[in-house]
Structures are given as structure tokens and as C-alpha cells.
Amino acid sequence: MTERKPHGMSFETWVDRQIREAAERGEFDGLPGAGRPLPDADAPYDEAWWVKRKMEREGLSFLPPSLALRKEAEDALAAARAAGSERRVREIVAEINDRIRAALRHPPAGPPLNLRPFDADAVVADWRAARPG
């Protein structure tokens, strides 16, 4: 525990003494990142920098519900294109279509959804056309 600042000693002198004593004890030796520049030192100040960095580290993102559903729809189409069978393509399209229909009945917060349910037959036709042979 850090001791209290002695009466009559300036705050700056007290802090400098604590830093010097810690350096003499070797408490700053071997710290990660030692000798390297601080990341984002030139970036403009952002109050939520720590939240953004934590989300990046954890692989998380935050989108308004309507944009998240748009992203899910894009991912579903990509998954349908990569599916191994026509049955799986139809399952993927049916799942995302259910979510889109629910969002159309009860619009989510955020920007306009701008989505309609996908035509399963058209997605299957695209899937067939993209398959070799």
C-alpha cells in the first residue's frame, strides 16, 4: 500500500520519489511493451477507446438491430452459397427468412431494414450455377 503524502512535501516531489524508488527496486523491469511506442499515440482522443479496444480484443461488435439483421442476411447468403446440399441451402434461407419476416412485422430499432425475404428457389438456382459440373 502506498503511504500518505507527508505534510509539507509537494505532491510532485512525493510522486517523483515513489517512481524513483520503484524503479530502483526494479518494479518497472520486464514490463510488456517496454521499449516500444505506445499504440495509437497519434490517434485523436476518443472517450470510448477502452470499450472499442476491449470489443476488438474479444471479437465483438455492436450494430443496431436492423443493421445486425442485414449483416446476418449477408452471412446467410454466403453460407448458402457454400452449403454442401440443396437441402442445407433451403434450411439456411428458411431460417433467415423467418428472422426477416419477424423484423418486418415488428421493425427493429435503427436505420430502415431495407430487406425482403429471399426467394429460396432463386438462391438454390444460384447455388447450382456456382457448383462445378
N, C-alpha and C. Protein backbone atom coordinates (compact mmCIF):
# COMPACT_ATOMS: atom_id res chain seq x y z
N MET A 1 0.84 -1.18 0.00
CA MET A 1 0.00 0.00 0.00
C MET A 1 0.88 1.23 0.00
N THR A 2 0.51 2.19 -0.76
CA THR A 2 1.26 3.44 -0.84
C THR A 2 1.03 4.26 0.42
N GLU A 3 2.12 4.81 0.90
CA GLU A 3 1.99 5.64 2.09
C GLU A 3 1.36 6.98 1.73
N ARG A 4 0.93 7.68 2.76
CA ARG A 4 0.33 9.00 2.53
C ARG A 4 1.42 10.03 2.28
N LYS A 5 1.05 11.03 1.54
CA LYS A 5 1.99 12.13 1.25
C LYS A 5 2.29 12.86 2.56
N PRO A 6 3.57 13.00 2.88
CA PRO A 6 3.93 13.72 4.10
C PRO A 6 3.51 15.19 4.02
N HIS A 7 3.09 15.73 5.14
CA HIS A 7 2.69 17.13 5.22
C HIS A 7 3.88 18.01 4.89
N GLY A 8 3.64 19.01 4.08
CA GLY A 8 4.71 19.96 3.75
C GLY A 8 5.49 19.58 2.50
N MET A 9 5.37 18.36 2.01
CA MET A 9 6.07 17.95 0.80
C MET A 9 5.13 18.18 -0.38
N SER A 10 5.68 18.75 -1.46
CA SER A 10 4.82 19.00 -2.63
C SER A 10 4.40 17.66 -3.23
N PHE A 11 3.24 17.67 -3.83
CA PHE A 11 2.70 16.45 -4.41
C PHE A 11 3.62 15.92 -5.49
N GLU A 12 4.14 16.81 -6.33
CA GLU A 12 5.02 16.37 -7.42
C GLU A 12 6.27 15.71 -6.87
N THR A 13 6.87 16.27 -5.85
CA THR A 13 8.07 15.69 -5.26
C THR A 13 7.76 14.31 -4.68
N TRP A 14 6.64 14.17 -4.03
CA TRP A 14 6.25 12.90 -3.43
C TRP A 14 6.06 11.82 -4.49
N VAL A 15 5.37 12.15 -5.58
CA VAL A 15 5.14 11.19 -6.67
C VAL A 15 6.46 10.83 -7.33
N ASP A 16 7.30 11.85 -7.61
CA ASP A 16 8.59 11.57 -8.23
C ASP A 16 9.43 10.64 -7.37
N ARG A 17 9.38 10.82 -6.05
CA ARG A 17 10.15 9.95 -5.15
C ARG A 17 9.63 8.52 -5.21
N GLN A 18 8.31 8.34 -5.25
CA GLN A 18 7.76 6.99 -5.33
C GLN A 18 8.15 6.30 -6.63
N ILE A 19 8.12 7.05 -7.73
CA ILE A 19 8.51 6.47 -9.02
C ILE A 19 9.99 6.09 -9.00
N ARG A 20 10.82 6.97 -8.51
CA ARG A 20 12.26 6.68 -8.44
C ARG A 20 12.54 5.46 -7.60
N GLU A 21 11.90 5.35 -6.43
CA GLU A 21 12.14 4.20 -5.55
C GLU A 21 11.65 2.91 -6.19
N ALA A 22 10.51 2.95 -6.89
CA ALA A 22 10.00 1.76 -7.57
C ALA A 22 10.95 1.34 -8.69
N ALA A 23 11.50 2.31 -9.41
CA ALA A 23 12.46 2.00 -10.47
C ALA A 23 13.73 1.39 -9.88
N GLU A 24 14.17 1.89 -8.74
CA GLU A 24 15.35 1.33 -8.08
C GLU A 24 15.12 -0.10 -7.62
N ARG A 25 13.89 -0.40 -7.21
CA ARG A 25 13.56 -1.77 -6.80
C ARG A 25 13.37 -2.70 -8.00
N GLY A 26 13.33 -2.13 -9.21
CA GLY A 26 13.18 -2.94 -10.42
C GLY A 26 11.74 -3.28 -10.77
N GLU A 27 10.78 -2.53 -10.22
CA GLU A 27 9.37 -2.84 -10.46
C GLU A 27 8.91 -2.51 -11.87
N PHE A 28 9.72 -1.75 -12.62
CA PHE A 28 9.36 -1.42 -14.00
C PHE A 28 10.13 -2.28 -15.00
N ASP A 29 10.99 -3.16 -14.53
CA ASP A 29 11.78 -4.00 -15.42
C ASP A 29 10.91 -5.11 -16.02
N GLY A 30 11.11 -5.37 -17.29
CA GLY A 30 10.44 -6.50 -17.94
C GLY A 30 8.95 -6.33 -18.16
N LEU A 31 8.45 -5.11 -18.17
CA LEU A 31 7.03 -4.91 -18.42
C LEU A 31 6.74 -5.18 -19.90
N PRO A 32 5.55 -5.72 -20.21
CA PRO A 32 5.22 -5.96 -21.62
C PRO A 32 5.18 -4.63 -22.38
N GLY A 33 5.75 -4.63 -23.57
CA GLY A 33 5.76 -3.43 -24.39
C GLY A 33 6.90 -2.49 -24.08
N ALA A 34 7.80 -2.87 -23.19
CA ALA A 34 8.91 -2.00 -22.82
C ALA A 34 9.75 -1.69 -24.05
N GLY A 35 10.08 -0.42 -24.25
CA GLY A 35 10.91 0.00 -25.35
C GLY A 35 10.17 0.21 -26.66
N ARG A 36 8.89 -0.07 -26.68
CA ARG A 36 8.10 0.13 -27.89
C ARG A 36 7.20 1.35 -27.72
N PRO A 37 6.88 2.02 -28.85
CA PRO A 37 6.00 3.19 -28.73
C PRO A 37 4.60 2.77 -28.30
N LEU A 38 3.90 3.69 -27.66
CA LEU A 38 2.54 3.41 -27.25
C LEU A 38 1.64 3.27 -28.47
N PRO A 39 0.80 2.23 -28.50
CA PRO A 39 -0.09 2.09 -29.65
C PRO A 39 -1.10 3.23 -29.70
N ASP A 40 -1.41 3.67 -30.88
CA ASP A 40 -2.40 4.73 -31.11
C ASP A 40 -2.04 6.04 -30.44
N ALA A 41 -0.75 6.29 -30.22
CA ALA A 41 -0.35 7.54 -29.56
C ALA A 41 -0.71 8.76 -30.40
N ASP A 42 -0.77 8.59 -31.72
CA ASP A 42 -1.09 9.71 -32.61
C ASP A 42 -2.57 9.81 -32.94
N ALA A 43 -3.37 8.87 -32.46
CA ALA A 43 -4.81 8.85 -32.77
C ALA A 43 -5.52 9.97 -32.01
N PRO A 44 -6.58 10.52 -32.59
CA PRO A 44 -7.34 11.54 -31.85
C PRO A 44 -8.01 10.94 -30.62
N TYR A 45 -8.25 11.76 -29.62
CA TYR A 45 -8.85 11.28 -28.37
C TYR A 45 -10.27 10.79 -28.60
N ASP A 46 -10.57 9.65 -28.01
CA ASP A 46 -11.91 9.07 -28.10
C ASP A 46 -12.28 8.58 -26.70
N GLU A 47 -13.39 9.09 -26.16
CA GLU A 47 -13.79 8.73 -24.80
C GLU A 47 -14.03 7.24 -24.64
N ALA A 48 -14.48 6.58 -25.69
CA ALA A 48 -14.83 5.16 -25.60
C ALA A 48 -13.70 4.27 -26.13
N TRP A 49 -12.46 4.76 -26.11
CA TRP A 49 -11.35 3.99 -26.67
C TRP A 49 -11.22 2.63 -26.01
N TRP A 50 -11.39 2.58 -24.71
CA TRP A 50 -11.19 1.32 -23.98
C TRP A 50 -12.30 0.32 -24.31
N VAL A 51 -13.52 0.80 -24.53
CA VAL A 51 -14.62 -0.10 -24.90
C VAL A 51 -14.35 -0.69 -26.28
N LYS A 52 -13.95 0.19 -27.21
CA LYS A 52 -13.68 -0.28 -28.56
C LYS A 52 -12.52 -1.28 -28.58
N ARG A 53 -11.48 -1.01 -27.81
CA ARG A 53 -10.34 -1.92 -27.78
C ARG A 53 -10.73 -3.27 -27.16
N LYS A 54 -11.54 -3.24 -26.10
CA LYS A 54 -11.99 -4.48 -25.46
C LYS A 54 -12.85 -5.29 -26.44
N MET A 55 -13.76 -4.61 -27.15
CA MET A 55 -14.61 -5.31 -28.11
C MET A 55 -13.77 -5.91 -29.23
N GLU A 56 -12.77 -5.18 -29.69
CA GLU A 56 -11.89 -5.70 -30.74
C GLU A 56 -11.13 -6.92 -30.25
N ARG A 57 -10.61 -6.84 -29.03
CA ARG A 57 -9.86 -7.96 -28.45
C ARG A 57 -10.73 -9.19 -28.28
N GLU A 58 -12.00 -8.99 -27.92
CA GLU A 58 -12.92 -10.10 -27.69
C GLU A 58 -13.62 -10.55 -28.96
N GLY A 59 -13.37 -9.85 -30.07
CA GLY A 59 -14.00 -10.22 -31.33
C GLY A 59 -15.49 -9.89 -31.36
N LEU A 60 -15.88 -8.83 -30.67
CA LEU A 60 -17.28 -8.43 -30.60
C LEU A 60 -17.53 -7.20 -31.46
N SER A 61 -18.77 -6.99 -31.80
CA SER A 61 -19.14 -5.76 -32.49
C SER A 61 -20.53 -5.37 -32.04
N PHE A 62 -20.85 -4.12 -32.22
CA PHE A 62 -22.18 -3.66 -31.86
C PHE A 62 -22.77 -2.94 -33.05
N LEU A 63 -23.88 -3.44 -33.50
CA LEU A 63 -24.62 -2.79 -34.57
C LEU A 63 -26.05 -2.62 -34.09
N PRO A 64 -26.73 -1.59 -34.55
CA PRO A 64 -28.17 -1.50 -34.26
C PRO A 64 -28.86 -2.76 -34.80
N PRO A 65 -29.96 -3.18 -34.19
CA PRO A 65 -30.60 -4.43 -34.60
C PRO A 65 -30.91 -4.53 -36.09
N SER A 66 -31.31 -3.44 -36.72
CA SER A 66 -31.62 -3.53 -38.15
C SER A 66 -30.36 -3.79 -38.97
N LEU A 67 -29.24 -3.16 -38.61
CA LEU A 67 -28.00 -3.40 -39.34
C LEU A 67 -27.45 -4.79 -39.03
N ALA A 68 -27.64 -5.25 -37.80
CA ALA A 68 -27.19 -6.60 -37.45
C ALA A 68 -27.94 -7.63 -38.28
N LEU A 69 -29.23 -7.42 -38.50
CA LEU A 69 -30.00 -8.37 -39.31
C LEU A 69 -29.55 -8.31 -40.77
N ARG A 70 -29.23 -7.13 -41.28
CA ARG A 70 -28.70 -7.04 -42.64
C ARG A 70 -27.41 -7.85 -42.76
N LYS A 71 -26.55 -7.73 -41.75
CA LYS A 71 -25.29 -8.47 -41.75
C LYS A 71 -25.56 -9.97 -41.68
N GLU A 72 -26.51 -10.38 -40.84
CA GLU A 72 -26.87 -11.79 -40.75
C GLU A 72 -27.38 -12.31 -42.09
N ALA A 73 -28.14 -11.47 -42.80
CA ALA A 73 -28.68 -11.87 -44.11
C ALA A 73 -27.53 -12.08 -45.11
N GLU A 74 -26.56 -11.17 -45.11
CA GLU A 74 -25.39 -11.33 -45.98
C GLU A 74 -24.64 -12.61 -45.65
N ASP A 75 -24.43 -12.84 -44.35
CA ASP A 75 -23.72 -14.04 -43.92
C ASP A 75 -24.49 -15.31 -44.28
N ALA A 76 -25.83 -15.24 -44.18
CA ALA A 76 -26.65 -16.40 -44.53
C ALA A 76 -26.54 -16.71 -46.01
N LEU A 77 -26.54 -15.69 -46.86
CA LEU A 77 -26.38 -15.94 -48.30
C LEU A 77 -25.01 -16.54 -48.61
N ALA A 78 -23.99 -16.05 -47.93
CA ALA A 78 -22.65 -16.62 -48.13
C ALA A 78 -22.62 -18.07 -47.67
N ALA A 79 -23.27 -18.36 -46.55
CA ALA A 79 -23.32 -19.74 -46.06
C ALA A 79 -24.12 -20.63 -47.01
N ALA A 80 -25.17 -20.09 -47.58
CA ALA A 80 -25.97 -20.85 -48.54
C ALA A 80 -25.15 -21.18 -49.78
N ARG A 81 -24.35 -20.21 -50.26
CA ARG A 81 -23.50 -20.46 -51.43
C ARG A 81 -22.47 -21.55 -51.16
N ALA A 82 -22.03 -21.64 -49.92
CA ALA A 82 -21.00 -22.62 -49.56
C ALA A 82 -21.59 -23.94 -49.06
N ALA A 83 -22.91 -24.03 -48.98
CA ALA A 83 -23.55 -25.24 -48.43
C ALA A 83 -23.24 -26.45 -49.30
N GLY A 84 -23.29 -27.62 -48.67
CA GLY A 84 -22.95 -28.86 -49.36
C GLY A 84 -24.12 -29.52 -50.06
N SER A 85 -25.33 -29.09 -49.75
CA SER A 85 -26.50 -29.73 -50.37
C SER A 85 -27.61 -28.71 -50.57
N GLU A 86 -28.52 -29.05 -51.50
CA GLU A 86 -29.65 -28.17 -51.75
C GLU A 86 -30.53 -28.07 -50.51
N ARG A 87 -30.67 -29.17 -49.80
CA ARG A 87 -31.48 -29.17 -48.57
C ARG A 87 -30.93 -28.16 -47.57
N ARG A 88 -29.60 -28.13 -47.41
CA ARG A 88 -28.98 -27.19 -46.47
C ARG A 88 -29.17 -25.74 -46.93
N VAL A 89 -29.09 -25.51 -48.23
CA VAL A 89 -29.32 -24.17 -48.77
C VAL A 89 -30.71 -23.70 -48.39
N ARG A 90 -31.70 -24.57 -48.60
CA ARG A 90 -33.09 -24.22 -48.28
C ARG A 90 -33.29 -23.98 -46.78
N GLU A 91 -32.60 -24.77 -45.95
CA GLU A 91 -32.69 -24.56 -44.50
C GLU A 91 -32.15 -23.19 -44.10
N ILE A 92 -31.00 -22.84 -44.65
CA ILE A 92 -30.38 -21.55 -44.33
C ILE A 92 -31.29 -20.41 -44.75
N VAL A 93 -31.84 -20.51 -45.97
CA VAL A 93 -32.72 -19.45 -46.48
C VAL A 93 -33.99 -19.37 -45.64
N ALA A 94 -34.55 -20.52 -45.25
CA ALA A 94 -35.77 -20.51 -44.43
C ALA A 94 -35.51 -19.85 -43.07
N GLU A 95 -34.36 -20.14 -42.47
CA GLU A 95 -34.03 -19.55 -41.16
C GLU A 95 -33.92 -18.03 -41.24
N ILE A 96 -33.18 -17.54 -42.24
CA ILE A 96 -33.02 -16.09 -42.33
C ILE A 96 -34.33 -15.43 -42.75
N ASN A 97 -35.10 -16.10 -43.59
CA ASN A 97 -36.40 -15.53 -43.99
C ASN A 97 -37.33 -15.39 -42.80
N ASP A 98 -37.31 -16.37 -41.88
CA ASP A 98 -38.13 -16.26 -40.67
C ASP A 98 -37.74 -15.02 -39.86
N ARG A 99 -36.44 -14.79 -39.74
CA ARG A 99 -35.96 -13.62 -38.99
C ARG A 99 -36.34 -12.32 -39.69
N ILE A 100 -36.24 -12.31 -41.02
CA ILE A 100 -36.59 -11.10 -41.78
C ILE A 100 -38.09 -10.81 -41.65
N ARG A 101 -38.91 -11.85 -41.77
CA ARG A 101 -40.36 -11.64 -41.65
C ARG A 101 -40.73 -11.12 -40.26
N ALA A 102 -40.09 -11.66 -39.23
CA ALA A 102 -40.36 -11.18 -37.87
C ALA A 102 -39.97 -9.71 -37.73
N ALA A 103 -38.86 -9.33 -38.35
CA ALA A 103 -38.41 -7.93 -38.28
C ALA A 103 -39.33 -7.02 -39.09
N LEU A 104 -39.90 -7.53 -40.15
CA LEU A 104 -40.84 -6.72 -40.93
C LEU A 104 -42.14 -6.51 -40.17
N ARG A 105 -42.56 -7.53 -39.40
CA ARG A 105 -43.77 -7.38 -38.59
C ARG A 105 -43.57 -6.41 -37.44
N HIS A 106 -42.40 -6.46 -36.83
CA HIS A 106 -42.06 -5.60 -35.69
C HIS A 106 -40.71 -4.95 -35.99
N PRO A 107 -40.70 -3.83 -36.68
CA PRO A 107 -39.43 -3.23 -37.11
C PRO A 107 -38.48 -2.98 -35.94
N PRO A 108 -37.22 -3.39 -36.11
CA PRO A 108 -36.23 -3.17 -35.05
C PRO A 108 -35.75 -1.73 -35.02
N ALA A 109 -35.08 -1.39 -33.95
CA ALA A 109 -34.52 -0.04 -33.81
C ALA A 109 -33.37 0.14 -34.79
N GLY A 110 -33.14 1.38 -35.15
CA GLY A 110 -32.02 1.69 -36.04
C GLY A 110 -32.50 2.13 -37.40
N PRO A 111 -31.58 2.15 -38.35
CA PRO A 111 -31.93 2.58 -39.70
C PRO A 111 -32.96 1.63 -40.32
N PRO A 112 -33.58 2.05 -41.41
CA PRO A 112 -34.56 1.17 -42.06
C PRO A 112 -33.93 -0.18 -42.42
N LEU A 113 -34.73 -1.21 -42.34
CA LEU A 113 -34.25 -2.57 -42.58
C LEU A 113 -33.86 -2.80 -44.04
N ASN A 114 -34.69 -2.34 -44.97
CA ASN A 114 -34.42 -2.49 -46.39
C ASN A 114 -34.12 -3.94 -46.79
N LEU A 115 -34.85 -4.88 -46.24
CA LEU A 115 -34.70 -6.30 -46.58
C LEU A 115 -36.06 -6.89 -46.89
N ARG A 116 -36.06 -7.86 -47.78
CA ARG A 116 -37.25 -8.66 -48.03
C ARG A 116 -36.82 -10.11 -47.93
N PRO A 117 -37.75 -11.01 -47.64
CA PRO A 117 -37.37 -12.42 -47.61
C PRO A 117 -36.78 -12.85 -48.96
N PHE A 118 -35.81 -13.75 -48.90
CA PHE A 118 -35.15 -14.23 -50.10
C PHE A 118 -36.02 -15.27 -50.80
N ASP A 119 -35.92 -15.31 -52.10
CA ASP A 119 -36.59 -16.35 -52.90
C ASP A 119 -35.72 -17.59 -52.83
N ALA A 120 -36.18 -18.60 -52.12
CA ALA A 120 -35.38 -19.82 -51.92
C ALA A 120 -35.03 -20.48 -53.25
N ASP A 121 -35.98 -20.50 -54.20
CA ASP A 121 -35.70 -21.12 -55.49
C ASP A 121 -34.59 -20.38 -56.25
N ALA A 122 -34.59 -19.05 -56.17
CA ALA A 122 -33.54 -18.27 -56.83
C ALA A 122 -32.18 -18.51 -56.18
N VAL A 123 -32.15 -18.61 -54.85
CA VAL A 123 -30.89 -18.87 -54.15
C VAL A 123 -30.38 -20.26 -54.51
N VAL A 124 -31.28 -21.24 -54.59
CA VAL A 124 -30.88 -22.60 -54.98
C VAL A 124 -30.37 -22.60 -56.41
N ALA A 125 -31.02 -21.86 -57.30
CA ALA A 125 -30.57 -21.78 -58.69
C ALA A 125 -29.16 -21.19 -58.76
N ASP A 126 -28.90 -20.13 -57.99
CA ASP A 126 -27.56 -19.54 -57.95
C ASP A 126 -26.55 -20.54 -57.39
N TRP A 127 -26.97 -21.27 -56.38
CA TRP A 127 -26.09 -22.28 -55.77
C TRP A 127 -25.74 -23.35 -56.80
N ARG A 128 -26.73 -23.81 -57.54
CA ARG A 128 -26.48 -24.84 -58.58
C ARG A 128 -25.56 -24.30 -59.66
N ALA A 129 -25.80 -23.05 -60.08
CA ALA A 129 -24.98 -22.47 -61.16
C ALA A 129 -23.52 -22.31 -60.73
N ALA A 130 -23.30 -22.08 -59.46
CA ALA A 130 -21.92 -21.88 -58.97
C ALA A 130 -21.18 -23.19 -58.73
N ARG A 131 -21.91 -24.29 -58.71
CA ARG A 131 -21.27 -25.59 -58.44
C ARG A 131 -20.62 -26.12 -59.71
N PRO A 132 -19.42 -26.70 -59.56
CA PRO A 132 -18.76 -27.27 -60.75
C PRO A 132 -19.50 -28.51 -61.24
N GLY A 133 -19.51 -28.69 -62.55
CA GLY A 133 -20.10 -29.90 -63.13
C GLY A 133 -21.52 -29.75 -63.30
